[in-house]
N, C-alpha and C. Protein backbone atom coordinates (compact mmCIF):
# COMPACT_ATOMS: atom_id res chain seq x y z
N MET A 1 -0.16 -7.67 3.60
CA MET A 1 0.34 -6.95 4.75
C MET A 1 1.17 -7.89 5.63
N THR A 2 2.25 -7.38 6.15
CA THR A 2 3.13 -8.15 7.01
C THR A 2 2.60 -8.13 8.44
N GLN A 3 2.53 -9.30 9.05
CA GLN A 3 2.06 -9.42 10.42
C GLN A 3 3.18 -9.07 11.39
N GLU A 4 2.94 -8.10 12.28
CA GLU A 4 3.93 -7.73 13.28
C GLU A 4 3.55 -8.31 14.63
N ILE A 5 4.56 -8.70 15.37
CA ILE A 5 4.38 -9.23 16.71
C ILE A 5 4.98 -8.22 17.68
N THR A 6 4.26 -7.93 18.76
CA THR A 6 4.76 -7.04 19.80
C THR A 6 5.38 -7.88 20.92
N ILE A 7 6.57 -7.46 21.34
CA ILE A 7 7.33 -8.21 22.36
C ILE A 7 7.70 -7.24 23.47
N PRO A 8 7.54 -7.65 24.74
CA PRO A 8 7.91 -6.77 25.86
C PRO A 8 9.41 -6.48 25.87
N LEU A 9 9.77 -5.29 26.34
CA LEU A 9 11.18 -4.91 26.42
C LEU A 9 12.00 -5.83 27.32
N ASP A 10 11.35 -6.52 28.23
CA ASP A 10 12.06 -7.46 29.11
C ASP A 10 12.81 -8.52 28.32
N LEU A 11 12.34 -8.82 27.12
CA LEU A 11 12.96 -9.86 26.30
C LEU A 11 13.94 -9.29 25.26
N LYS A 12 14.27 -8.01 25.41
CA LYS A 12 15.13 -7.33 24.43
C LYS A 12 16.45 -8.05 24.21
N ARG A 13 17.11 -8.44 25.28
CA ARG A 13 18.43 -9.08 25.15
C ARG A 13 18.33 -10.37 24.32
N VAL A 14 17.30 -11.16 24.55
CA VAL A 14 17.12 -12.43 23.83
C VAL A 14 16.78 -12.17 22.37
N VAL A 15 15.84 -11.25 22.14
CA VAL A 15 15.39 -10.97 20.77
C VAL A 15 16.52 -10.39 19.92
N LEU A 16 17.32 -9.51 20.51
CA LEU A 16 18.38 -8.84 19.75
C LEU A 16 19.69 -9.63 19.65
N MET A 17 19.74 -10.81 20.25
CA MET A 17 20.95 -11.62 20.18
C MET A 17 21.25 -11.97 18.71
N GLY A 18 22.39 -11.51 18.22
CA GLY A 18 22.78 -11.77 16.84
C GLY A 18 22.22 -10.77 15.84
N ALA A 19 21.41 -9.82 16.30
CA ALA A 19 20.83 -8.81 15.40
C ALA A 19 21.81 -7.65 15.22
N GLU A 20 21.69 -6.96 14.09
CA GLU A 20 22.54 -5.80 13.81
C GLU A 20 21.67 -4.58 13.64
N GLU A 21 22.08 -3.46 14.23
CA GLU A 21 21.35 -2.21 14.04
C GLU A 21 21.45 -1.81 12.58
N THR A 22 20.36 -1.24 12.05
CA THR A 22 20.32 -0.89 10.63
C THR A 22 19.55 0.40 10.41
N LYS A 23 19.83 1.04 9.31
CA LYS A 23 19.07 2.22 8.87
C LYS A 23 18.04 1.81 7.81
N LEU A 24 18.15 0.59 7.30
CA LEU A 24 17.26 0.12 6.25
C LEU A 24 15.86 -0.15 6.78
N GLY A 25 14.86 0.42 6.14
CA GLY A 25 13.48 0.15 6.52
C GLY A 25 12.79 1.37 7.09
N ASP A 26 11.48 1.31 7.11
CA ASP A 26 10.64 2.37 7.65
C ASP A 26 10.65 2.25 9.18
N LYS A 27 11.14 3.27 9.87
CA LYS A 27 11.25 3.21 11.32
C LYS A 27 9.89 3.25 12.03
N LYS A 28 8.90 3.83 11.40
CA LYS A 28 7.56 3.93 12.00
C LYS A 28 7.60 4.45 13.44
N GLY A 29 8.43 5.45 13.68
CA GLY A 29 8.51 6.06 15.00
C GLY A 29 9.41 5.35 15.99
N ALA A 30 10.08 4.30 15.58
CA ALA A 30 10.95 3.54 16.48
C ALA A 30 12.21 4.34 16.83
N ILE A 31 12.78 4.02 17.99
CA ILE A 31 14.03 4.63 18.42
C ILE A 31 15.18 4.07 17.58
N LYS A 32 15.19 2.75 17.44
CA LYS A 32 16.21 2.04 16.65
C LYS A 32 15.52 0.91 15.91
N GLN A 33 16.22 0.40 14.92
CA GLN A 33 15.74 -0.80 14.24
C GLN A 33 16.92 -1.73 13.96
N TYR A 34 16.60 -2.99 13.90
CA TYR A 34 17.62 -4.03 13.77
C TYR A 34 17.18 -5.03 12.71
N ARG A 35 18.16 -5.76 12.19
CA ARG A 35 17.89 -6.85 11.26
C ARG A 35 18.63 -8.08 11.76
N LYS A 36 17.95 -9.20 11.61
CA LYS A 36 18.51 -10.50 11.99
C LYS A 36 17.97 -11.48 10.96
N GLY A 37 18.76 -11.73 9.91
CA GLY A 37 18.25 -12.53 8.79
C GLY A 37 17.09 -11.78 8.15
N ASN A 38 15.96 -12.46 8.00
CA ASN A 38 14.79 -11.82 7.41
C ASN A 38 13.94 -11.07 8.44
N LEU A 39 14.35 -11.11 9.71
CA LEU A 39 13.58 -10.42 10.74
C LEU A 39 13.91 -8.93 10.76
N HIS A 40 12.87 -8.12 10.84
CA HIS A 40 13.01 -6.67 10.99
C HIS A 40 12.45 -6.33 12.37
N ILE A 41 13.32 -5.85 13.23
CA ILE A 41 12.97 -5.59 14.63
C ILE A 41 13.03 -4.09 14.87
N ARG A 42 11.94 -3.55 15.42
CA ARG A 42 11.91 -2.13 15.77
C ARG A 42 11.85 -1.99 17.29
N GLU A 43 12.65 -1.07 17.82
CA GLU A 43 12.67 -0.82 19.26
C GLU A 43 11.99 0.51 19.55
N TYR A 44 10.96 0.46 20.38
CA TYR A 44 10.26 1.64 20.85
C TYR A 44 10.58 1.82 22.33
N GLU A 45 10.13 2.89 22.94
CA GLU A 45 10.41 3.13 24.36
C GLU A 45 9.83 2.05 25.25
N ASP A 46 8.69 1.49 24.86
CA ASP A 46 7.98 0.55 25.75
C ASP A 46 7.85 -0.87 25.22
N ARG A 47 8.37 -1.14 24.03
CA ARG A 47 8.18 -2.46 23.43
C ARG A 47 9.10 -2.66 22.23
N LEU A 48 9.13 -3.89 21.75
CA LEU A 48 9.77 -4.22 20.48
C LEU A 48 8.67 -4.73 19.56
N THR A 49 8.83 -4.51 18.26
CA THR A 49 7.96 -5.16 17.29
C THR A 49 8.85 -5.94 16.32
N VAL A 50 8.35 -7.05 15.86
CA VAL A 50 9.12 -7.91 14.96
C VAL A 50 8.21 -8.38 13.83
N HIS A 51 8.73 -8.36 12.63
CA HIS A 51 8.04 -9.01 11.50
C HIS A 51 9.11 -9.64 10.60
N ALA A 52 8.68 -10.60 9.83
CA ALA A 52 9.59 -11.28 8.90
C ALA A 52 9.38 -10.74 7.49
N ASP A 53 10.46 -10.28 6.89
CA ASP A 53 10.43 -9.89 5.48
C ASP A 53 10.65 -11.14 4.64
N LYS A 54 10.17 -11.09 3.41
CA LYS A 54 10.39 -12.21 2.50
C LYS A 54 11.85 -12.25 2.05
N VAL A 55 12.45 -11.06 1.91
CA VAL A 55 13.83 -10.96 1.42
C VAL A 55 14.61 -10.00 2.31
N ASP A 56 15.80 -10.39 2.72
CA ASP A 56 16.68 -9.54 3.52
C ASP A 56 17.26 -8.45 2.61
N PRO A 57 16.99 -7.17 2.89
CA PRO A 57 17.48 -6.10 2.01
C PRO A 57 18.99 -5.97 1.99
N ARG A 58 19.67 -6.50 2.99
CA ARG A 58 21.14 -6.44 2.99
C ARG A 58 21.72 -7.44 2.00
N GLU A 59 20.99 -8.51 1.75
CA GLU A 59 21.45 -9.55 0.82
C GLU A 59 20.98 -9.30 -0.61
N ASP A 60 19.74 -8.82 -0.76
CA ASP A 60 19.14 -8.63 -2.08
C ASP A 60 18.23 -7.40 -2.06
N PRO A 61 18.82 -6.20 -2.20
CA PRO A 61 18.02 -4.97 -2.11
C PRO A 61 16.87 -4.92 -3.12
N MET A 62 17.12 -5.31 -4.36
CA MET A 62 16.06 -5.25 -5.37
C MET A 62 14.97 -6.27 -5.07
N GLY A 63 15.35 -7.44 -4.64
CA GLY A 63 14.36 -8.45 -4.26
C GLY A 63 13.51 -7.98 -3.10
N HIS A 64 14.12 -7.27 -2.15
CA HIS A 64 13.36 -6.72 -1.03
C HIS A 64 12.35 -5.69 -1.51
N LEU A 65 12.77 -4.82 -2.42
CA LEU A 65 11.84 -3.82 -2.96
C LEU A 65 10.67 -4.49 -3.68
N ILE A 66 10.95 -5.52 -4.44
CA ILE A 66 9.91 -6.20 -5.21
C ILE A 66 8.95 -6.96 -4.31
N HIS A 67 9.47 -7.65 -3.31
CA HIS A 67 8.63 -8.53 -2.49
C HIS A 67 8.11 -7.90 -1.20
N ASP A 68 8.84 -6.94 -0.63
CA ASP A 68 8.47 -6.41 0.67
C ASP A 68 8.18 -4.91 0.69
N ALA A 69 8.67 -4.16 -0.26
CA ALA A 69 8.53 -2.70 -0.22
C ALA A 69 8.11 -2.15 -1.58
N GLN A 70 7.02 -2.69 -2.10
CA GLN A 70 6.54 -2.26 -3.42
C GLN A 70 6.21 -0.77 -3.46
N GLU A 71 5.81 -0.21 -2.33
CA GLU A 71 5.45 1.21 -2.30
C GLU A 71 6.63 2.09 -2.70
N VAL A 72 7.84 1.66 -2.39
CA VAL A 72 9.03 2.42 -2.78
C VAL A 72 9.19 2.39 -4.30
N LEU A 73 9.00 1.22 -4.90
CA LEU A 73 9.09 1.11 -6.37
C LEU A 73 8.03 1.95 -7.06
N VAL A 74 6.80 1.91 -6.54
CA VAL A 74 5.72 2.71 -7.13
C VAL A 74 6.03 4.19 -7.01
N GLY A 75 6.56 4.61 -5.86
CA GLY A 75 6.93 6.00 -5.68
C GLY A 75 8.02 6.43 -6.65
N LEU A 76 9.03 5.58 -6.82
CA LEU A 76 10.11 5.90 -7.76
C LEU A 76 9.61 5.96 -9.20
N ALA A 77 8.73 5.03 -9.56
CA ALA A 77 8.16 5.03 -10.91
C ALA A 77 7.32 6.28 -11.14
N GLY A 78 6.49 6.63 -10.16
CA GLY A 78 5.66 7.84 -10.27
C GLY A 78 6.52 9.08 -10.40
N ALA A 79 7.59 9.14 -9.62
CA ALA A 79 8.50 10.29 -9.67
C ALA A 79 9.18 10.39 -11.04
N THR A 80 9.65 9.27 -11.53
CA THR A 80 10.37 9.26 -12.81
C THR A 80 9.47 9.66 -13.98
N VAL A 81 8.31 9.02 -14.05
CA VAL A 81 7.40 9.28 -15.18
C VAL A 81 6.87 10.71 -15.14
N SER A 82 6.40 11.15 -13.97
CA SER A 82 5.83 12.49 -13.89
C SER A 82 6.89 13.57 -14.10
N GLY A 83 8.06 13.38 -13.52
CA GLY A 83 9.13 14.37 -13.68
C GLY A 83 9.55 14.52 -15.14
N ALA A 84 9.69 13.39 -15.81
CA ALA A 84 10.07 13.43 -17.23
C ALA A 84 8.96 14.06 -18.08
N ALA A 85 7.72 13.69 -17.81
CA ALA A 85 6.60 14.21 -18.61
C ALA A 85 6.42 15.71 -18.42
N ILE A 86 6.40 16.16 -17.18
CA ILE A 86 6.20 17.59 -16.92
C ILE A 86 7.41 18.41 -17.39
N GLY A 87 8.61 17.92 -17.13
CA GLY A 87 9.80 18.61 -17.60
C GLY A 87 9.82 18.76 -19.12
N SER A 88 9.46 17.69 -19.81
CA SER A 88 9.40 17.72 -21.27
C SER A 88 8.32 18.68 -21.77
N TYR A 89 7.17 18.66 -21.11
CA TYR A 89 6.07 19.54 -21.50
C TYR A 89 6.48 21.01 -21.32
N ILE A 90 7.07 21.35 -20.21
CA ILE A 90 7.49 22.74 -19.96
C ILE A 90 8.55 23.15 -20.97
N TYR A 91 9.48 22.25 -21.27
CA TYR A 91 10.53 22.56 -22.24
C TYR A 91 9.93 22.88 -23.61
N LYS A 92 8.90 22.14 -23.99
CA LYS A 92 8.26 22.36 -25.31
C LYS A 92 7.47 23.66 -25.37
N ILE A 93 6.76 24.00 -24.29
CA ILE A 93 5.91 25.20 -24.36
C ILE A 93 6.68 26.50 -24.10
N LYS A 94 7.87 26.43 -23.59
CA LYS A 94 8.68 27.62 -23.30
C LYS A 94 9.73 27.84 -24.38
N LYS A 95 9.34 27.68 -25.64
CA LYS A 95 10.28 27.77 -26.76
C LYS A 95 11.06 29.07 -26.80
N ASN A 96 10.42 30.17 -26.45
CA ASN A 96 11.07 31.48 -26.57
C ASN A 96 11.74 31.96 -25.28
N SER A 97 11.68 31.18 -24.26
CA SER A 97 12.28 31.59 -22.98
C SER A 97 13.76 31.24 -22.95
N PRO A 98 14.59 32.22 -22.55
CA PRO A 98 16.02 31.92 -22.44
C PRO A 98 16.32 30.97 -21.26
N TYR A 99 15.34 30.81 -20.37
CA TYR A 99 15.51 29.96 -19.20
C TYR A 99 14.71 28.66 -19.29
N ARG A 100 14.42 28.24 -20.50
CA ARG A 100 13.53 27.08 -20.64
C ARG A 100 14.12 25.80 -20.03
N LYS A 101 15.41 25.62 -20.13
CA LYS A 101 16.03 24.42 -19.53
C LYS A 101 15.87 24.44 -18.01
N GLN A 102 16.15 25.58 -17.41
CA GLN A 102 16.02 25.69 -15.97
C GLN A 102 14.56 25.53 -15.52
N GLN A 103 13.63 26.14 -16.27
CA GLN A 103 12.21 26.04 -15.94
C GLN A 103 11.73 24.59 -16.07
N ALA A 104 12.18 23.92 -17.11
CA ALA A 104 11.80 22.52 -17.31
C ALA A 104 12.36 21.65 -16.19
N LEU A 105 13.60 21.91 -15.81
CA LEU A 105 14.23 21.15 -14.74
C LEU A 105 13.51 21.36 -13.41
N ILE A 106 13.23 22.60 -13.07
CA ILE A 106 12.55 22.91 -11.81
C ILE A 106 11.14 22.33 -11.81
N GLY A 107 10.41 22.50 -12.91
CA GLY A 107 9.06 21.94 -13.00
C GLY A 107 9.06 20.43 -12.93
N GLY A 108 10.01 19.81 -13.61
CA GLY A 108 10.12 18.36 -13.58
C GLY A 108 10.46 17.83 -12.19
N LEU A 109 11.37 18.52 -11.51
CA LEU A 109 11.74 18.11 -10.15
C LEU A 109 10.57 18.27 -9.18
N ALA A 110 9.85 19.38 -9.31
CA ALA A 110 8.69 19.61 -8.43
C ALA A 110 7.63 18.54 -8.65
N ALA A 111 7.34 18.24 -9.91
CA ALA A 111 6.35 17.20 -10.21
C ALA A 111 6.84 15.84 -9.71
N SER A 112 8.12 15.58 -9.91
CA SER A 112 8.70 14.33 -9.47
C SER A 112 8.54 14.13 -7.97
N LEU A 113 8.86 15.17 -7.20
CA LEU A 113 8.73 15.09 -5.74
C LEU A 113 7.28 14.90 -5.32
N ALA A 114 6.40 15.68 -5.88
CA ALA A 114 4.99 15.63 -5.48
C ALA A 114 4.35 14.30 -5.85
N VAL A 115 4.49 13.88 -7.08
CA VAL A 115 3.85 12.64 -7.54
C VAL A 115 4.53 11.42 -6.93
N GLY A 116 5.85 11.46 -6.82
CA GLY A 116 6.56 10.34 -6.20
C GLY A 116 6.12 10.11 -4.78
N TYR A 117 6.04 11.19 -4.01
CA TYR A 117 5.62 11.06 -2.61
C TYR A 117 4.15 10.62 -2.51
N ALA A 118 3.29 11.22 -3.33
CA ALA A 118 1.88 10.84 -3.31
C ALA A 118 1.69 9.37 -3.71
N SER A 119 2.43 8.93 -4.71
CA SER A 119 2.36 7.53 -5.14
C SER A 119 2.80 6.59 -4.03
N TYR A 120 3.89 6.94 -3.38
CA TYR A 120 4.42 6.14 -2.27
C TYR A 120 3.39 6.05 -1.15
N ARG A 121 2.85 7.19 -0.71
CA ARG A 121 1.90 7.21 0.40
C ARG A 121 0.61 6.45 0.06
N LEU A 122 0.10 6.64 -1.15
CA LEU A 122 -1.13 5.96 -1.56
C LEU A 122 -0.92 4.44 -1.59
N THR A 123 0.18 4.02 -2.18
CA THR A 123 0.47 2.58 -2.25
C THR A 123 0.66 1.99 -0.86
N LYS A 124 1.32 2.73 0.01
CA LYS A 124 1.53 2.26 1.38
C LYS A 124 0.19 2.12 2.10
N LYS A 125 -0.70 3.07 1.89
CA LYS A 125 -2.03 3.03 2.51
C LYS A 125 -2.83 1.85 1.98
N LEU A 126 -2.78 1.62 0.68
CA LEU A 126 -3.49 0.49 0.07
C LEU A 126 -2.94 -0.85 0.56
N LYS A 127 -1.65 -0.89 0.82
CA LYS A 127 -0.98 -2.12 1.26
C LYS A 127 -1.41 -2.50 2.68
N GLU A 128 -1.76 -1.48 3.49
CA GLU A 128 -2.20 -1.74 4.86
C GLU A 128 -3.54 -2.41 4.82
């Protein structure tokens, strides 16, 4: 788990010096978020939080996923495997249906969304 530090808003100007606003990362309810090297800074109404990532996602997105955001990789893997398995299963059992491709696609997508999200949330919870 990454250790976060809470900083009073009074120090916002100093903390954000040289930082860039970003969309990358889990906002966790923050108003805005910033990156400054490996630092991930979140701005809330009453405070800032800061933690250091092992890898800057702007420089090495895959390295960031591997070292700092494994829950995203697990979610993607769960989505891919489950979607392919369920889609393939539906395609095989609906041999006589004229809509078997569509049914397999819809079933695979539904499974992908459900299992991918569940995998992501479970991994994130375990990581805490």
